[in-house]
Structure formats: C-alpha cells, structure tokens
PDB file of N, CA and C in Angstrom:
ATOM      1  N   MET A   1     -38.923 -55.756 186.202  1.00  0.00           N
ATOM      2  CA  MET A   1     -37.593 -56.288 186.352  1.00  0.00           C
ATOM      3  C   MET A   1     -36.764 -55.270 187.124  1.00  0.00           C
ATOM      4  N   ASP A   2     -35.985 -55.722 188.053  1.00  0.00           N
ATOM      5  CA  ASP A   2     -35.138 -54.863 188.857  1.00  0.00           C
ATOM      6  C   ASP A   2     -33.686 -55.169 188.502  1.00  0.00           C
ATOM      7  N   ILE A   3     -32.956 -54.161 188.060  1.00  0.00           N
ATOM      8  CA  ILE A   3     -31.573 -54.348 187.634  1.00  0.00           C
ATOM      9  C   ILE A   3     -30.666 -53.545 188.555  1.00  0.00           C
ATOM     10  N   SER A   4     -29.676 -54.189 189.145  1.00  0.00           N
ATOM     11  CA  SER A   4     -28.733 -53.518 190.032  1.00  0.00           C
ATOM     12  C   SER A   4     -27.673 -52.775 189.238  1.00  0.00           C
ATOM     13  N   ALA A   5     -27.105 -51.747 189.876  1.00  0.00           N
ATOM     14  CA  ALA A   5     -26.001 -51.001 189.279  1.00  0.00           C
ATOM     15  C   ALA A   5     -25.094 -50.520 190.400  1.00  0.00           C
ATOM     16  N   PRO A   6     -23.789 -50.454 190.143  1.00  0.00           N
ATOM     17  CA  PRO A   6     -22.872 -49.958 191.166  1.00  0.00           C
ATOM     18  C   PRO A   6     -23.128 -48.479 191.485  1.00  0.00           C
ATOM     19  N   VAL A   7     -22.773 -48.071 192.696  1.00  0.00           N
ATOM     20  CA  VAL A   7     -22.894 -46.672 193.097  1.00  0.00           C
ATOM     21  C   VAL A   7     -22.102 -45.798 192.127  1.00  0.00           C
ATOM     22  N   GLY A   8     -22.713 -44.702 191.681  1.00  0.00           N
ATOM     23  CA  GLY A   8     -22.055 -43.777 190.760  1.00  0.00           C
ATOM     24  C   GLY A   8     -22.153 -44.159 189.300  1.00  0.00           C
ATOM     25  N   GLN A   9     -22.732 -45.325 189.002  1.00  0.00           N
ATOM     26  CA  GLN A   9     -22.868 -45.803 187.622  1.00  0.00           C
ATOM     27  C   GLN A   9     -23.749 -44.839 186.821  1.00  0.00           C
ATOM     28  N   PRO A  10     -23.287 -44.370 185.657  1.00  0.00           N
ATOM     29  CA  PRO A  10     -24.165 -43.568 184.800  1.00  0.00           C
ATOM     30  C   PRO A  10     -25.312 -44.444 184.286  1.00  0.00           C
ATOM     31  N   ILE A  11     -26.512 -43.921 184.296  1.00  0.00           N
ATOM     32  CA  ILE A  11     -27.690 -44.659 183.862  1.00  0.00           C
ATOM     33  C   ILE A  11     -28.226 -44.009 182.584  1.00  0.00           C
ATOM     34  N   TYR A  12     -28.414 -44.819 181.551  1.00  0.00           N
ATOM     35  CA  TYR A  12     -28.933 -44.343 180.266  1.00  0.00           C
ATOM     36  C   TYR A  12     -30.305 -44.961 180.017  1.00  0.00           C
ATOM     37  N   ALA A  13     -31.078 -44.321 179.158  1.00  0.00           N
ATOM     38  CA  ALA A  13     -32.421 -44.800 178.831  1.00  0.00           C
ATOM     39  C   ALA A  13     -32.359 -46.189 178.207  1.00  0.00           C
ATOM     40  N   MET A  14     -33.277 -47.058 178.638  1.00  0.00           N
ATOM     41  CA  MET A  14     -33.356 -48.412 178.081  1.00  0.00           C
ATOM     42  C   MET A  14     -34.190 -48.459 176.806  1.00  0.00           C
ATOM     43  N   PHE A  15     -35.104 -47.503 176.647  1.00  0.00           N
ATOM     44  CA  PHE A  15     -36.002 -47.449 175.493  1.00  0.00           C
ATOM     45  C   PHE A  15     -36.238 -45.993 175.116  1.00  0.00           C
ATOM     46  N   ASP A  16     -36.640 -45.751 173.870  1.00  0.00           N
ATOM     47  CA  ASP A  16     -37.140 -44.430 173.493  1.00  0.00           C
ATOM     48  C   ASP A  16     -38.443 -44.216 174.243  1.00  0.00           C
ATOM     49  N   GLY A  17     -38.664 -43.031 174.754  1.00  0.00           N
ATOM     50  CA  GLY A  17     -39.913 -42.773 175.464  1.00  0.00           C
ATOM     51  C   GLY A  17     -39.997 -41.354 175.963  1.00  0.00           C
ATOM     52  N   GLN A  18     -41.044 -41.074 176.719  1.00  0.00           N
ATOM     53  CA  GLN A  18     -41.257 -39.740 177.265  1.00  0.00           C
ATOM     54  C   GLN A  18     -41.300 -39.820 178.788  1.00  0.00           C
ATOM     55  N   VAL A  19     -40.552 -38.931 179.441  1.00  0.00           N
ATOM     56  CA  VAL A  19     -40.569 -38.859 180.903  1.00  0.00           C
ATOM     57  C   VAL A  19     -41.957 -38.400 181.326  1.00  0.00           C
ATOM     58  N   SER A  20     -42.633 -39.212 182.120  1.00  0.00           N
ATOM     59  CA  SER A  20     -43.986 -38.858 182.543  1.00  0.00           C
ATOM     60  C   SER A  20     -44.021 -38.312 183.958  1.00  0.00           C
ATOM     61  N   TYR A  21     -42.971 -38.584 184.752  1.00  0.00           N
ATOM     62  CA  TYR A  21     -42.973 -38.123 186.137  1.00  0.00           C
ATOM     63  C   TYR A  21     -41.566 -38.132 186.694  1.00  0.00           C
ATOM     64  N   VAL A  22     -41.199 -37.045 187.367  1.00  0.00           N
ATOM     65  CA  VAL A  22     -39.939 -36.953 188.107  1.00  0.00           C
ATOM     66  C   VAL A  22     -40.308 -36.659 189.550  1.00  0.00           C
ATOM     67  N   THR A  23     -39.865 -37.504 190.477  1.00  0.00           N
ATOM     68  CA  THR A  23     -40.189 -37.283 191.890  1.00  0.00           C
ATOM     69  C   THR A  23     -39.247 -36.261 192.498  1.00  0.00           C
ATOM     70  N   PRO A  24     -39.685 -35.622 193.560  1.00  0.00           N
ATOM     71  CA  PRO A  24     -38.730 -34.887 194.380  1.00  0.00           C
ATOM     72  C   PRO A  24     -37.786 -35.912 195.026  1.00  0.00           C
ATOM     73  N   LYS A  25     -36.593 -35.502 195.380  1.00  0.00           N
ATOM     74  CA  LYS A  25     -35.663 -36.430 196.030  1.00  0.00           C
ATOM     75  C   LYS A  25     -36.312 -36.942 197.307  1.00  0.00           C
ATOM     76  N   GLN A  26     -36.392 -38.267 197.461  1.00  0.00           N
ATOM     77  CA  GLN A  26     -37.110 -38.886 198.562  1.00  0.00           C
ATOM     78  C   GLN A  26     -36.338 -38.843 199.878  1.00  0.00           C
ATOM     79  N   SER A  27     -35.074 -39.186 199.846  1.00  0.00           N
ATOM     80  CA  SER A  27     -34.228 -39.199 201.040  1.00  0.00           C
ATOM     81  C   SER A  27     -32.792 -39.412 200.585  1.00  0.00           C
ATOM     82  N   SER A  28     -31.877 -39.447 201.546  1.00  0.00           N
ATOM     83  CA  SER A  28     -30.472 -39.638 201.183  1.00  0.00           C
ATOM     84  C   SER A  28     -30.197 -41.036 200.653  1.00  0.00           C
ATOM     85  N   THR A  29     -31.073 -42.010 200.944  1.00  0.00           N
ATOM     86  CA  THR A  29     -30.865 -43.371 200.429  1.00  0.00           C
ATOM     87  C   THR A  29     -31.826 -43.728 199.301  1.00  0.00           C
ATOM     88  N   ALA A  30     -33.033 -43.196 199.320  1.00  0.00           N
ATOM     89  CA  ALA A  30     -33.994 -43.514 198.253  1.00  0.00           C
ATOM     90  C   ALA A  30     -33.696 -42.708 197.002  1.00  0.00           C
ATOM     91  N   GLY A  31     -33.222 -41.476 197.167  1.00  0.00           N
ATOM     92  CA  GLY A  31     -32.856 -40.648 196.029  1.00  0.00           C
ATOM     93  C   GLY A  31     -34.035 -40.231 195.170  1.00  0.00           C
ATOM     94  N   TRP A  32     -33.719 -39.896 193.939  1.00  0.00           N
ATOM     95  CA  TRP A  32     -34.719 -39.497 192.941  1.00  0.00           C
ATOM     96  C   TRP A  32     -35.205 -40.734 192.210  1.00  0.00           C
ATOM     97  N   TRP A  33     -36.390 -40.648 191.622  1.00  0.00           N
ATOM     98  CA  TRP A  33     -36.796 -41.660 190.652  1.00  0.00           C
ATOM     99  C   TRP A  33     -37.666 -41.008 189.607  1.00  0.00           C
ATOM    100  N   ILE A  34     -37.649 -41.601 188.420  1.00  0.00           N
ATOM    101  CA  ILE A  34     -38.432 -41.075 187.300  1.00  0.00           C
ATOM    102  C   ILE A  34     -39.225 -42.207 186.667  1.00  0.00           C
ATOM    103  N   GLU A  35     -40.305 -41.837 185.997  1.00  0.00           N
ATOM    104  CA  GLU A  35     -41.099 -42.788 185.217  1.00  0.00           C
ATOM    105  C   GLU A  35     -41.042 -42.369 183.757  1.00  0.00           C
ATOM    106  N   VAL A  36     -40.881 -43.355 182.886  1.00  0.00           N
ATOM    107  CA  VAL A  36     -40.828 -43.123 181.447  1.00  0.00           C
ATOM    108  C   VAL A  36     -41.860 -44.013 180.770  1.00  0.00           C
ATOM    109  N   VAL A  37     -42.684 -43.429 179.926  1.00  0.00           N
ATOM    110  CA  VAL A  37     -43.680 -44.176 179.153  1.00  0.00           C
ATOM    111  C   VAL A  37     -43.088 -44.458 177.774  1.00  0.00           C
ATOM    112  N   PHE A  38     -43.203 -45.713 177.332  1.00  0.00           N
ATOM    113  CA  PHE A  38     -42.713 -46.074 176.004  1.00  0.00           C
ATOM    114  C   PHE A  38     -43.672 -47.073 175.358  1.00  0.00           C
ATOM    115  N   GLU A  39     -43.539 -47.240 174.056  1.00  0.00           N
ATOM    116  CA  GLU A  39     -44.447 -48.092 173.293  1.00  0.00           C
ATOM    117  C   GLU A  39     -43.654 -49.137 172.515  1.00  0.00           C
ATOM    118  N   ILE A  40     -44.135 -50.375 172.560  1.00  0.00           N
ATOM    119  CA  ILE A  40     -43.579 -51.454 171.744  1.00  0.00           C
ATOM    120  C   ILE A  40     -44.740 -52.122 171.027  1.00  0.00           C
ATOM    121  N   GLU A  41     -44.708 -52.092 169.698  1.00  0.00           N
ATOM    122  CA  GLU A  41     -45.731 -52.722 168.854  1.00  0.00           C
ATOM    123  C   GLU A  41     -47.145 -52.373 169.308  1.00  0.00           C
ATOM    124  N   GLY A  42     -47.380 -51.089 169.570  1.00  0.00           N
ATOM    125  CA  GLY A  42     -48.713 -50.614 169.903  1.00  0.00           C
ATOM    126  C   GLY A  42     -49.127 -50.753 171.360  1.00  0.00           C
ATOM    127  N   THR A  43     -48.289 -51.366 172.184  1.00  0.00           N
ATOM    128  CA  THR A  43     -48.598 -51.516 173.605  1.00  0.00           C
ATOM    129  C   THR A  43     -47.756 -50.532 174.412  1.00  0.00           C
ATOM    130  N   MET A  44     -48.408 -49.790 175.321  1.00  0.00           N
ATOM    131  CA  MET A  44     -47.723 -48.809 176.159  1.00  0.00           C
ATOM    132  C   MET A  44     -47.197 -49.477 177.427  1.00  0.00           C
ATOM    133  N   TYR A  45     -46.000 -49.090 177.834  1.00  0.00           N
ATOM    134  CA  TYR A  45     -45.355 -49.615 179.033  1.00  0.00           C
ATOM    135  C   TYR A  45     -44.837 -48.459 179.881  1.00  0.00           C
ATOM    136  N   LEU A  46     -44.569 -48.743 181.148  1.00  0.00           N
ATOM    137  CA  LEU A  46     -44.013 -47.770 182.067  1.00  0.00           C
ATOM    138  C   LEU A  46     -42.710 -48.336 182.626  1.00  0.00           C
ATOM    139  N   ASN A  47     -41.664 -47.545 182.560  1.00  0.00           N
ATOM    140  CA  ASN A  47     -40.360 -47.954 183.071  1.00  0.00           C
ATOM    141  C   ASN A  47     -39.963 -46.986 184.178  1.00  0.00           C
ATOM    142  N   ARG A  48     -39.490 -47.493 185.308  1.00  0.00           N
ATOM    143  CA  ARG A  48     -39.044 -46.644 186.412  1.00  0.00           C
ATOM    144  C   ARG A  48     -37.536 -46.764 186.578  1.00  0.00           C
ATOM    145  N   TYR A  49     -36.903 -45.623 186.764  1.00  0.00           N
ATOM    146  CA  TYR A  49     -35.486 -45.551 187.091  1.00  0.00           C
ATOM    147  C   TYR A  49     -35.441 -45.042 188.525  1.00  0.00           C
ATOM    148  N   MET A  50     -34.933 -45.861 189.449  1.00  0.00           N
ATOM    149  CA  MET A  50     -35.029 -45.536 190.871  1.00  0.00           C
ATOM    150  C   MET A  50     -33.656 -45.455 191.532  1.00  0.00           C
ATOM    151  N   HIS A  51     -33.630 -44.837 192.720  1.00  0.00           N
ATOM    152  CA  HIS A  51     -32.419 -44.703 193.542  1.00  0.00           C
ATOM    153  C   HIS A  51     -31.332 -43.935 192.802  1.00  0.00           C
ATOM    154  N   LEU A  52     -31.727 -42.827 192.174  1.00  0.00           N
ATOM    155  CA  LEU A  52     -30.766 -42.003 191.444  1.00  0.00           C
ATOM    156  C   LEU A  52     -30.257 -40.879 192.333  1.00  0.00           C
ATOM    157  N   ASP A  53     -28.943 -40.628 192.282  1.00  0.00           N
ATOM    158  CA  ASP A  53     -28.332 -39.569 193.057  1.00  0.00           C
ATOM    159  C   ASP A  53     -28.593 -38.212 192.408  1.00  0.00           C
ATOM    160  N   LYS A  54     -28.442 -38.148 191.112  1.00  0.00           N
ATOM    161  CA  LYS A  54     -28.701 -36.932 190.344  1.00  0.00           C
ATOM    162  C   LYS A  54     -29.469 -37.340 189.108  1.00  0.00           C
ATOM    163  N   ILE A  55     -30.311 -36.444 188.622  1.00  0.00           N
ATOM    164  CA  ILE A  55     -31.040 -36.736 187.388  1.00  0.00           C
ATOM    165  C   ILE A  55     -30.785 -35.630 186.376  1.00  0.00           C
ATOM    166  N   TYR A  56     -30.892 -35.990 185.116  1.00  0.00           N
ATOM    167  CA  TYR A  56     -30.591 -35.055 184.031  1.00  0.00           C
ATOM    168  C   TYR A  56     -31.713 -35.008 183.001  1.00  0.00           C
ATOM    169  N   VAL A  57     -32.922 -35.349 183.419  1.00  0.00           N
ATOM    170  CA  VAL A  57     -34.093 -35.271 182.543  1.00  0.00           C
ATOM    171  C   VAL A  57     -35.188 -34.492 183.273  1.00  0.00           C
ATOM    172  N   LYS A  58     -36.173 -34.025 182.505  1.00  0.00           N
ATOM    173  CA  LYS A  58     -37.277 -33.248 183.062  1.00  0.00           C
ATOM    174  C   LYS A  58     -38.601 -33.894 182.672  1.00  0.00           C
ATOM    175  N   ASN A  59     -39.655 -33.528 183.398  1.00  0.00           N
ATOM    176  CA  ASN A  59     -40.999 -34.002 183.048  1.00  0.00           C
ATOM    177  C   ASN A  59     -41.294 -33.716 181.576  1.00  0.00           C
ATOM    178  N   PHE A  60     -41.874 -34.686 180.895  1.00  0.00           N
ATOM    179  CA  PHE A  60     -42.340 -34.606 179.514  1.00  0.00           C
ATOM    180  C   PHE A  60     -41.218 -34.550 178.474  1.00  0.00           C
ATOM    181  N   GLU A  61     -39.979 -34.691 178.912  1.00  0.00           N
ATOM    182  CA  GLU A  61     -38.859 -34.731 177.974  1.00  0.00           C
ATOM    183  C   GLU A  61     -38.868 -36.059 177.230  1.00  0.00           C
ATOM    184  N   TYR A  62     -38.569 -36.037 175.932  1.00  0.00           N
ATOM    185  CA  TYR A  62     -38.455 -37.258 175.140  1.00  0.00           C
ATOM    186  C   TYR A  62     -37.020 -37.756 175.249  1.00  0.00           C
ATOM    187  N   ILE A  63     -36.843 -39.030 175.596  1.00  0.00           N
ATOM    188  CA  ILE A  63     -35.503 -39.586 175.739  1.00  0.00           C
ATOM    189  C   ILE A  63     -35.278 -40.710 174.732  1.00  0.00           C
ATOM    190  N   ARG A  64     -34.014 -40.942 174.402  1.00  0.00           N
ATOM    191  CA  ARG A  64     -33.640 -41.926 173.379  1.00  0.00           C
ATOM    192  C   ARG A  64     -32.862 -43.084 173.987  1.00  0.00           C
ATOM    193  N   GLU A  65     -33.199 -44.289 173.540  1.00  0.00           N
ATOM    194  CA  GLU A  65     -32.527 -45.512 173.999  1.00  0.00           C
ATOM    195  C   GLU A  65     -31.013 -45.406 173.836  1.00  0.00           C
ATOM    196  N   ASN A  66     -30.285 -45.700 174.909  1.00  0.00           N
ATOM    197  CA  ASN A  66     -28.819 -45.727 174.962  1.00  0.00           C
ATOM    198  C   ASN A  66     -28.143 -44.391 174.673  1.00  0.00           C
ATOM    199  N   LEU A  67     -28.900 -43.341 174.384  1.00  0.00           N
ATOM    200  CA  LEU A  67     -28.310 -42.037 174.086  1.00  0.00           C
ATOM    201  C   LEU A  67     -28.614 -41.010 175.164  1.00  0.00           C
ATOM    202  N   SER A  68     -29.771 -41.122 175.793  1.00  0.00           N
ATOM    203  CA  SER A  68     -30.167 -40.143 176.796  1.00  0.00           C
ATOM    204  C   SER A  68     -29.622 -40.528 178.167  1.00  0.00           C
ATOM    205  N   PHE A  69     -28.858 -39.612 178.734  1.00  0.00           N
ATOM    206  CA  PHE A  69     -28.281 -39.799 180.059  1.00  0.00           C
ATOM    207  C   PHE A  69     -29.348 -39.437 181.086  1.00  0.00           C
ATOM    208  N   VAL A  70     -29.736 -40.402 181.915  1.00  0.00           N
ATOM    209  CA  VAL A  70     -30.817 -40.219 182.882  1.00  0.00           C
ATOM    210  C   VAL A  70     -30.274 -39.693 184.213  1.00  0.00           C
ATOM    211  N   GLY A  71     -29.192 -40.293 184.733  1.00  0.00           N
ATOM    212  CA  GLY A  71     -28.642 -39.872 186.022  1.00  0.00           C
ATOM    213  C   GLY A  71     -27.574 -40.824 186.509  1.00  0.00           C
ATOM    214  N   PHE A  72     -27.215 -40.670 187.792  1.00  0.00           N
ATOM    215  CA  PHE A  72     -26.218 -41.527 188.430  1.00  0.00           C
ATOM    216  C   PHE A  72     -26.875 -42.373 189.504  1.00  0.00           C
ATOM    217  N   GLN A  73     -26.423 -43.603 189.648  1.00  0.00           N
ATOM    218  CA  GLN A  73     -26.932 -44.505 190.678  1.00  0.00           C
ATOM    219  C   GLN A  73     -26.493 -44.021 192.052  1.00  0.00           C
ATOM    220  N   LEU A  74     -27.428 -43.967 193.025  1.00  0.00           N
ATOM    221  CA  LEU A  74     -27.145 -43.478 194.366  1.00  0.00           C
ATOM    222  C   LEU A  74     -26.624 -44.571 195.293  1.00  0.00           C
ATOM    223  N   ILE A  75     -27.324 -45.697 195.328  1.00  0.00           N
ATOM    224  CA  ILE A  75     -26.953 -46.777 196.234  1.00  0.00           C
ATOM    225  C   ILE A  75     -26.978 -48.095 195.476  1.00  0.00           C
ATOM    226  N   TYR A  76     -26.263 -49.070 195.996  1.00  0.00           N
ATOM    227  CA  TYR A  76     -26.255 -50.406 195.397  1.00  0.00           C
ATOM    228  C   TYR A  76     -27.367 -51.222 196.026  1.00  0.00           C
ATOM    229  N   ILE A  77     -28.264 -51.712 195.213  1.00  0.00           N
ATOM    230  CA  ILE A  77     -29.377 -52.543 195.676  1.00  0.00           C
ATOM    231  C   ILE A  77     -29.124 -53.966 195.211  1.00  0.00           C
ATOM    232  N   ILE A  78     -29.179 -54.906 196.112  1.00  0.00           N
ATOM    233  CA  ILE A  78     -29.086 -56.317 195.718  1.00  0.00           C
ATOM    234  C   ILE A  78     -30.429 -56.719 195.163  1.00  0.00           C
ATOM    235  N   SER A  79     -30.435 -57.197 193.943  1.00  0.00           N
ATOM    236  CA  SER A  79     -31.689 -57.481 193.240  1.00  0.00           C
ATOM    237  C   SER A  79     -31.763 -58.948 192.854  1.00  0.00           C
ATOM    238  N   ASN A  80     -32.972 -59.485 192.912  1.00  0.00           N
ATOM    239  CA  ASN A  80     -33.180 -60.845 192.424  1.00  0.00           C
ATOM    240  C   ASN A  80     -33.698 -60.830 190.995  1.00  0.00           C
ATOM    241  N   GLY A  81     -33.797 -59.632 190.398  1.00  0.00           N
ATOM    242  CA  GLY A  81     -34.199 -59.517 189.004  1.00  0.00           C
ATOM    243  C   GLY A  81     -35.682 -59.496 188.765  1.00  0.00           C
ATOM    244  N   ILE A  82     -36.481 -59.517 189.808  1.00  0.00           N
ATOM    245  CA  ILE A  82     -37.942 -59.526 189.637  1.00  0.00           C
ATOM    246  C   ILE A  82     -38.493 -58.156 189.906  1.00  0.00           C
TER     247      ILE A  82
END
C-alpha cells in the first residue's frame, strides 16, 4: 500500500517492529528510505518508509507503533493506494 503525505509531514511507525535496513540518501528527490520487519499473528511482514528528507532511526533499532518518530516526508507523491 502506498500512502501519500504532505512535504515536511512527520512520519511515525505504523507497527511495532525492527528496522532491518536504512539506505544511504538516494538523491534530492528520492531521499532516504528504511525497511521495518514486523509480525502479526505469527506472520512476518516488511514495511517500507520512502522519500524521507531526514530519518531518526538506525539499523536494527526496535520501533513502536505511533510512538517512534521515523522522519520527515521529502516530496509529495500522488498515490493510487496500491
């Protein structure tokens, strides 16, 4: 699922999980992105937070749903939600 956010919007964790990967900043428009692994009822999932201007998490850090500040949105992406 792709969710749009306004430029500068603070982004918080959607689920409890562990940061599995933080990319180097890709470009001035692509920004940073991170991957977070989380579990729901025994099934593991991967969540990506993309197009971030700044990030505030590190590799292997455990983050908490709605409490962990991930970063700021870099650019506005028009999304169809898929």
